[in-house]
Amino acid sequence: MVAIGLSADAVARVRFALSCLWEVVASVRVLRDPGDHAVHLPWVNRVRPRLAEAGLAGPDGGLLWQLVPPAPGYLADFLTPPPAGLTPDLGQELSALRATPPGTVRAQLDLYPGARPPALAALYADPADGLRRLAEEIAAYWRLALAAEWPRIRALLDAEVFRRARRLAEEGAAGLLNDLHERVRWEGDALLISQRHCAAPDVPDGSGLVLVPSVFVWPSVLSIAAGDVSQLAYPARGLGSLWECPPAAPDALGAVLGRGRARLLAELDAPRSTTELARRTGMSPAGVSQHLATLRAAGLVVTHRAGRSLLSSRTPVAEALLTAPG
């Protein structure tokens, strides 16, 4: 059990952040044991061959692969430095990773069980050079496994932050924190996280908490309770349809609304940005914007801001139209 201290002052400093590195680390765990992450099998089957060919996954996997053991093995905290906010930037996060003090790297590597494989031994001997190589591996991993998927992942994460922020406004901190995950509950002045094999110590007091919604951390949670900034990565909602192709809109609906607008409604099975909708449908961003304006005027779509993005989603009226019998 991890207990992250949350005084009244600390609760006031709870914030959300998005992180490319959290998705990298959690997705490696998915690749190591896809059977426990069945919702992500379409992604695993798509990317694993190219990662294996590049030496980034499987028995010949490099430094990143060695640093991320199967769950519930220990995971070094330096892999996920505290994210800055809601506009994640892999380059900035890798800069923070490379700046990890050598003593911190070695102390956390000492927590890994058993003899060090050559990749980890080299990192221990020369942390600065090892972190440079690790950052290069992560950048390559990102290009092969996550870059093309990032717009849809980002749209889902933005929608999650919007939902949670609204819950915080409506129900306060208790309503927010007690609804994050079955393993997480807020009692008194501490956030209790049930982790059977967590090596982090209990924290009797803290300066705040960063909540990191994640796609690949599902179905569990991952926490960092050591250091100056506590983090909790938890599964974002809406994962069930992340890798699915939405069903086609009924022909009758297309006849009424037009095929383009009906296609957009079908694609809005999760909140999406104009850019993501354009990528998924092949329409131009300007065309998507024009169709969305018409759908909003008809009460079929609502749009809200999430960070720098505008996300559109279907209204209950649109849901009824899409599911109506033909």
Protein backbone atom coordinates (compact mmCIF):
# COMPACT_ATOMS: atom_id res chain seq x y z
CA MET A 1 0.00 0.00 0.00
CA VAL A 2 1.29 3.44 -0.96
CA ALA A 3 -0.04 6.42 1.00
CA ILE A 4 0.48 9.83 -0.61
CA GLY A 5 -0.06 12.59 1.92
CA LEU A 6 -2.72 15.05 0.82
CA SER A 7 -3.35 17.84 3.28
CA ALA A 8 -5.99 20.45 2.48
CA ASP A 9 -3.24 22.62 1.02
CA ALA A 10 -1.90 19.71 -1.04
CA VAL A 11 -5.36 18.90 -2.41
CA ALA A 12 -5.55 22.45 -3.68
CA ARG A 13 -2.43 21.73 -5.72
CA VAL A 14 -3.65 18.50 -7.34
CA ARG A 15 -3.25 18.91 -11.09
CA PHE A 16 -3.57 16.95 -14.31
CA ALA A 17 -0.78 16.41 -16.82
CA LEU A 18 -0.25 14.39 -19.98
CA SER A 19 2.99 12.56 -20.64
CA CYS A 20 4.58 10.96 -23.68
CA LEU A 21 7.04 9.06 -21.49
CA TRP A 22 4.30 7.52 -19.36
CA GLU A 23 2.73 6.17 -22.56
CA VAL A 24 6.09 4.84 -23.75
CA VAL A 25 6.84 3.04 -20.49
CA ALA A 26 3.33 1.66 -20.04
CA SER A 27 3.15 0.52 -23.67
CA VAL A 28 6.38 -1.46 -23.30
CA ARG A 29 4.71 -3.34 -20.45
CA VAL A 30 1.78 -4.04 -22.74
CA LEU A 31 4.16 -5.49 -25.33
CA ARG A 32 5.83 -7.66 -22.69
CA ASP A 33 2.54 -9.21 -21.59
CA PRO A 34 -0.20 -8.47 -24.14
CA GLY A 35 -2.45 -11.16 -22.66
CA ASP A 36 -3.10 -8.94 -19.65
CA HIS A 37 -3.93 -5.97 -21.89
CA ALA A 38 -6.32 -7.50 -24.41
CA VAL A 39 -7.88 -4.17 -25.33
CA HIS A 40 -4.55 -3.18 -26.91
CA LEU A 41 -4.02 -6.34 -29.00
CA PRO A 42 -4.79 -4.59 -32.33
CA TRP A 43 -2.00 -2.11 -31.57
CA VAL A 44 0.37 -4.87 -30.36
CA ASN A 45 -0.13 -6.92 -33.51
CA ARG A 46 0.50 -3.88 -35.66
CA VAL A 47 3.68 -2.55 -34.05
CA ARG A 48 5.46 -5.50 -32.46
CA PRO A 49 7.03 -6.86 -35.69
CA ARG A 50 8.58 -3.51 -36.63
CA LEU A 51 9.85 -2.95 -33.07
CA ALA A 52 11.40 -6.42 -32.99
CA GLU A 53 13.08 -5.80 -36.34
CA ALA A 54 14.55 -2.57 -34.96
CA GLY A 55 15.87 -4.35 -31.84
CA LEU A 56 13.51 -2.47 -29.53
CA ALA A 57 11.29 -5.34 -28.37
CA GLY A 58 11.55 -9.04 -27.64
CA PRO A 59 14.59 -11.11 -26.59
CA ASP A 60 16.95 -8.77 -28.42
CA GLY A 61 15.38 -5.62 -26.97
CA GLY A 62 17.75 -2.88 -25.87
CA LEU A 63 18.07 -0.62 -22.85
CA LEU A 64 14.43 0.53 -22.76
CA TRP A 65 13.20 -3.05 -22.93
CA GLN A 66 15.50 -4.07 -20.05
CA LEU A 67 14.44 -1.13 -17.90
CA VAL A 68 10.73 -1.95 -18.21
CA PRO A 69 10.14 -5.44 -16.80
CA PRO A 70 6.82 -7.24 -16.94
CA ALA A 71 4.32 -6.20 -14.29
CA PRO A 72 4.58 -6.12 -11.33
CA GLY A 73 8.37 -5.75 -11.51
CA TYR A 74 10.08 -2.62 -10.25
CA LEU A 75 10.12 0.34 -12.63
CA ALA A 76 12.75 3.08 -12.21
CA ASP A 77 11.19 6.44 -11.36
CA PHE A 78 13.68 8.34 -13.55
CA LEU A 79 11.91 6.93 -16.63
CA THR A 80 8.92 9.18 -15.94
CA PRO A 81 10.00 12.62 -14.70
CA PRO A 82 7.10 14.82 -13.58
CA PRO A 83 5.22 16.04 -16.67
CA ALA A 84 4.79 19.78 -17.00
CA GLY A 85 1.19 20.17 -18.14
CA LEU A 86 -1.45 19.37 -20.73
CA THR A 87 0.67 19.95 -23.85
CA PRO A 88 3.09 17.01 -23.75
CA ASP A 89 6.31 17.29 -25.71
CA LEU A 90 8.51 14.22 -26.07
CA GLY A 91 11.64 16.31 -26.66
CA GLN A 92 11.19 18.23 -23.42
CA GLU A 93 10.50 15.05 -21.47
CA LEU A 94 13.62 13.40 -22.90
CA SER A 95 15.66 16.46 -21.88
CA ALA A 96 14.42 16.00 -18.30
CA LEU A 97 15.27 12.30 -18.50
CA ARG A 98 18.83 13.00 -19.68
CA ALA A 99 19.27 15.47 -16.80
CA THR A 100 18.70 12.79 -14.13
CA PRO A 101 21.63 12.93 -11.64
CA PRO A 102 23.96 9.91 -11.89
CA GLY A 103 23.45 9.11 -8.21
CA THR A 104 19.69 8.87 -8.74
CA VAL A 105 20.13 6.54 -11.71
CA ARG A 106 22.44 4.21 -9.78
CA ALA A 107 20.29 4.22 -6.64
CA GLN A 108 17.23 3.20 -8.61
CA LEU A 109 19.10 0.58 -10.64
CA ASP A 110 20.17 -0.95 -7.32
CA LEU A 111 16.48 -1.74 -6.70
CA TYR A 112 16.30 -4.07 -9.72
CA PRO A 113 16.57 -7.73 -8.63
CA GLY A 114 19.21 -10.17 -9.82
CA ALA A 115 22.32 -9.69 -11.90
CA ARG A 116 22.34 -6.71 -14.26
CA PRO A 117 22.18 -7.53 -17.97
CA PRO A 118 24.89 -5.83 -20.07
CA ALA A 119 22.64 -2.91 -21.07
CA LEU A 120 21.83 -2.01 -17.45
CA ALA A 121 25.44 -2.59 -16.36
CA ALA A 122 26.60 -0.06 -18.96
CA LEU A 123 23.99 2.46 -17.77
CA TYR A 124 25.15 1.98 -14.18
CA ALA A 125 28.80 2.46 -15.13
CA ASP A 126 28.19 5.64 -17.15
CA PRO A 127 24.74 7.12 -16.44
CA ALA A 128 25.24 10.21 -18.62
CA ASP A 129 26.10 8.21 -21.73
CA GLY A 130 23.50 5.57 -20.89
CA LEU A 131 20.72 8.16 -20.56
CA ARG A 132 21.74 9.63 -23.91
CA ARG A 133 21.43 6.19 -25.53
CA LEU A 134 18.16 5.58 -23.72
CA ALA A 135 16.71 8.84 -25.03
CA GLU A 136 17.69 7.85 -28.57
CA GLU A 137 15.99 4.46 -28.14
CA ILE A 138 12.84 6.08 -26.80
CA ALA A 139 12.73 8.51 -29.73
CA ALA A 140 13.05 5.59 -32.16
CA TYR A 141 10.41 3.61 -30.28
CA TRP A 142 8.06 6.59 -30.43
CA ARG A 143 8.47 6.94 -34.21
CA LEU A 144 7.78 3.25 -34.82
CA ALA A 145 5.09 2.53 -32.25
CA LEU A 146 3.26 5.66 -31.13
CA ALA A 147 3.72 8.66 -33.42
CA ALA A 148 1.04 7.63 -35.91
CA GLU A 149 -1.37 6.74 -33.09
CA TRP A 150 -0.73 9.85 -31.02
CA PRO A 151 -3.55 12.04 -32.43
CA ARG A 152 -6.24 9.53 -31.43
CA ILE A 153 -4.54 8.82 -28.09
CA ARG A 154 -4.19 12.54 -27.40
CA ALA A 155 -7.85 13.18 -28.22
CA LEU A 156 -8.94 10.51 -25.76
CA LEU A 157 -6.64 11.87 -23.03
CA ASP A 158 -7.83 15.43 -23.60
CA ALA A 159 -11.43 14.27 -23.26
CA GLU A 160 -10.53 12.44 -20.03
CA VAL A 161 -9.04 15.59 -18.50
CA PHE A 162 -12.14 17.54 -19.49
CA ARG A 163 -14.43 14.98 -17.81
CA ARG A 164 -12.35 14.83 -14.64
CA ALA A 165 -12.05 18.60 -14.35
CA ARG A 166 -15.82 18.84 -14.60
CA ARG A 167 -16.21 16.18 -11.92
CA LEU A 168 -13.82 18.10 -9.67
CA ALA A 169 -15.88 21.25 -10.16
CA GLU A 170 -19.17 19.44 -9.45
CA GLU A 171 -18.18 17.06 -6.63
CA GLY A 172 -14.91 18.36 -5.21
CA ALA A 173 -11.67 16.50 -4.55
CA ALA A 174 -13.35 13.52 -2.87
CA GLY A 175 -15.58 12.88 -5.84
CA LEU A 176 -12.62 13.11 -8.20
CA LEU A 177 -10.07 11.03 -6.29
CA ASN A 178 -12.43 8.25 -5.24
CA ASP A 179 -13.57 7.72 -8.82
CA LEU A 180 -10.15 7.32 -10.47
CA HIS A 181 -9.69 3.55 -10.08
CA GLU A 182 -10.80 0.66 -7.89
CA ARG A 183 -7.33 0.52 -6.32
CA VAL A 184 -7.35 4.19 -5.35
CA ARG A 185 -9.23 5.83 -2.49
CA TRP A 186 -8.89 9.02 -0.50
CA GLU A 187 -9.22 8.64 3.24
CA GLY A 188 -8.60 11.46 5.67
CA ASP A 189 -5.44 13.21 4.59
CA ALA A 190 -3.96 10.48 2.37
CA LEU A 191 -4.53 8.99 -1.06
CA LEU A 192 -4.22 5.22 -0.61
CA ILE A 193 -3.06 3.17 -3.59
CA SER A 194 -3.26 -0.60 -3.36
CA GLN A 195 -0.14 -1.96 -5.04
CA ARG A 196 0.80 -5.52 -4.13
CA HIS A 197 4.39 -5.25 -5.32
CA CYS A 198 5.23 -1.57 -5.04
CA ALA A 199 8.75 -0.78 -3.88
CA ALA A 200 8.01 2.86 -3.11
CA PRO A 201 7.80 3.82 0.58
CA ASP A 202 4.71 5.29 2.16
CA VAL A 203 4.75 9.07 2.14
CA PRO A 204 3.32 10.66 5.28
CA ASP A 205 3.18 14.15 3.81
CA GLY A 206 3.41 15.62 0.34
CA SER A 207 3.45 18.82 -1.64
CA GLY A 208 0.73 17.83 -4.08
CA LEU A 209 -0.10 15.24 -6.69
CA VAL A 210 0.06 14.99 -10.48
CA LEU A 211 -2.71 12.88 -12.01
CA VAL A 212 -1.63 11.42 -15.35
CA PRO A 213 -4.39 9.81 -17.42
CA SER A 214 -2.92 7.09 -19.60
CA VAL A 215 -4.01 4.78 -22.38
CA PHE A 216 -1.53 1.96 -21.88
CA VAL A 217 -1.48 1.77 -18.07
CA TRP A 218 -4.85 -0.06 -18.21
CA PRO A 219 -6.07 -2.10 -16.36
CA SER A 220 -3.95 -1.11 -13.34
CA VAL A 221 -2.41 2.08 -11.99
CA LEU A 222 1.21 3.13 -11.62
CA SER A 223 2.43 5.50 -8.93
CA ILE A 224 5.52 7.40 -7.97
CA ALA A 225 5.42 8.43 -4.33
CA ALA A 226 9.12 9.16 -3.82
CA GLY A 227 10.78 12.49 -4.55
CA ASP A 228 9.42 16.02 -4.60
CA VAL A 229 6.45 15.37 -6.90
CA SER A 230 4.08 12.43 -6.45
CA GLN A 231 2.48 11.03 -9.60
CA LEU A 232 -0.41 8.69 -10.25
CA ALA A 233 -0.93 7.30 -13.75
CA TYR A 234 -4.41 5.84 -14.11
CA PRO A 235 -6.42 4.45 -17.07
CA ALA A 236 -8.38 6.98 -19.08
CA ARG A 237 -11.96 6.11 -19.87
CA GLY A 238 -13.09 5.19 -23.38
CA LEU A 239 -10.33 2.69 -24.14
CA GLY A 240 -12.71 0.01 -25.34
CA SER A 241 -13.16 1.66 -28.72
CA LEU A 242 -9.71 3.20 -29.10
CA TRP A 243 -8.43 0.77 -31.74
CA GLU A 244 -11.78 -0.08 -33.30
CA CYS A 245 -13.09 1.24 -36.57
CA PRO A 246 -16.49 2.79 -35.90
CA PRO A 247 -19.47 1.23 -37.66
CA ALA A 248 -20.62 2.93 -40.82
CA ALA A 249 -23.48 5.37 -40.51
CA PRO A 250 -26.85 3.99 -41.66
CA ASP A 251 -27.57 4.67 -45.33
CA ALA A 252 -30.84 6.38 -44.42
CA LEU A 253 -29.00 8.82 -42.16
CA GLY A 254 -26.55 9.58 -44.94
CA ALA A 255 -29.44 10.30 -47.27
CA VAL A 256 -30.83 12.86 -44.81
CA LEU A 257 -27.63 14.49 -43.54
CA GLY A 258 -25.31 13.85 -46.43
CA ARG A 259 -22.62 11.18 -46.45
CA GLY A 260 -19.89 13.46 -45.12
CA ARG A 261 -21.81 14.61 -42.07
CA ALA A 262 -23.10 11.09 -41.37
CA ARG A 263 -19.53 9.77 -41.58
CA LEU A 264 -18.38 12.37 -39.07
CA LEU A 265 -21.12 11.38 -36.63
CA ALA A 266 -20.03 7.75 -36.92
CA GLU A 267 -16.41 8.70 -36.22
CA LEU A 268 -17.40 10.63 -33.09
CA ASP A 269 -17.63 7.45 -31.00
CA ALA A 270 -15.16 9.33 -28.77
CA PRO A 271 -14.45 13.07 -28.53
CA ARG A 272 -12.17 14.05 -31.40
CA SER A 273 -10.45 17.14 -32.75
CA THR A 274 -10.95 18.51 -36.25
CA THR A 275 -7.45 17.37 -37.20
CA GLU A 276 -8.12 13.82 -36.00
CA LEU A 277 -11.45 13.69 -37.83
CA ALA A 278 -9.78 14.89 -41.02
CA ARG A 279 -7.13 12.20 -40.70
CA ARG A 280 -9.68 9.47 -40.07
CA THR A 281 -12.08 10.45 -42.85
CA GLY A 282 -9.78 11.82 -45.53
CA MET A 283 -11.69 15.11 -45.60
CA SER A 284 -9.91 18.44 -45.45
CA PRO A 285 -9.81 20.18 -42.05
CA ALA A 286 -11.83 23.05 -43.55
CA GLY A 287 -14.47 20.62 -44.79
CA VAL A 288 -14.67 18.92 -41.41
CA SER A 289 -15.08 22.29 -39.67
CA GLN A 290 -17.90 23.25 -42.01
CA HIS A 291 -19.73 19.97 -41.45
CA LEU A 292 -19.29 20.20 -37.68
CA ALA A 293 -20.76 23.70 -37.66
CA THR A 294 -23.86 22.37 -39.42
CA LEU A 295 -24.13 19.42 -37.01
CA ARG A 296 -23.77 21.73 -34.00
CA ALA A 297 -26.52 23.96 -35.33
CA ALA A 298 -28.75 20.89 -35.66
CA GLY A 299 -28.05 19.85 -32.05
CA LEU A 300 -26.19 16.69 -33.07
CA VAL A 301 -22.69 17.70 -31.96
CA VAL A 302 -21.23 19.69 -29.06
CA THR A 303 -17.72 21.08 -28.92
CA HIS A 304 -15.60 21.89 -25.87
CA ARG A 305 -12.07 23.09 -25.31
CA ALA A 306 -9.44 20.76 -23.80
CA GLY A 307 -6.11 22.55 -23.42
CA ARG A 308 -5.29 23.95 -26.85
CA SER A 309 -7.63 21.56 -28.65
CA LEU A 310 -11.31 21.77 -29.49
CA LEU A 311 -12.98 18.37 -29.15
CA SER A 312 -16.33 17.50 -30.67
CA SER A 313 -18.64 14.76 -29.45
CA ARG A 314 -22.10 13.41 -30.30
CA THR A 315 -25.20 14.48 -28.42
CA PRO A 316 -27.82 11.99 -27.18
CA VAL A 317 -29.97 12.92 -30.19
CA ALA A 318 -27.15 11.87 -32.53
CA GLU A 319 -26.65 8.63 -30.61
CA ALA A 320 -30.33 7.84 -31.07
CA LEU A 321 -30.15 8.51 -34.82
CA LEU A 322 -27.13 6.24 -35.25
CA THR A 323 -28.67 3.35 -33.33
CA ALA A 324 -32.18 3.63 -34.73
CA PRO A 325 -33.30 0.48 -36.58
CA GLY A 326 -33.11 0.79 -40.35
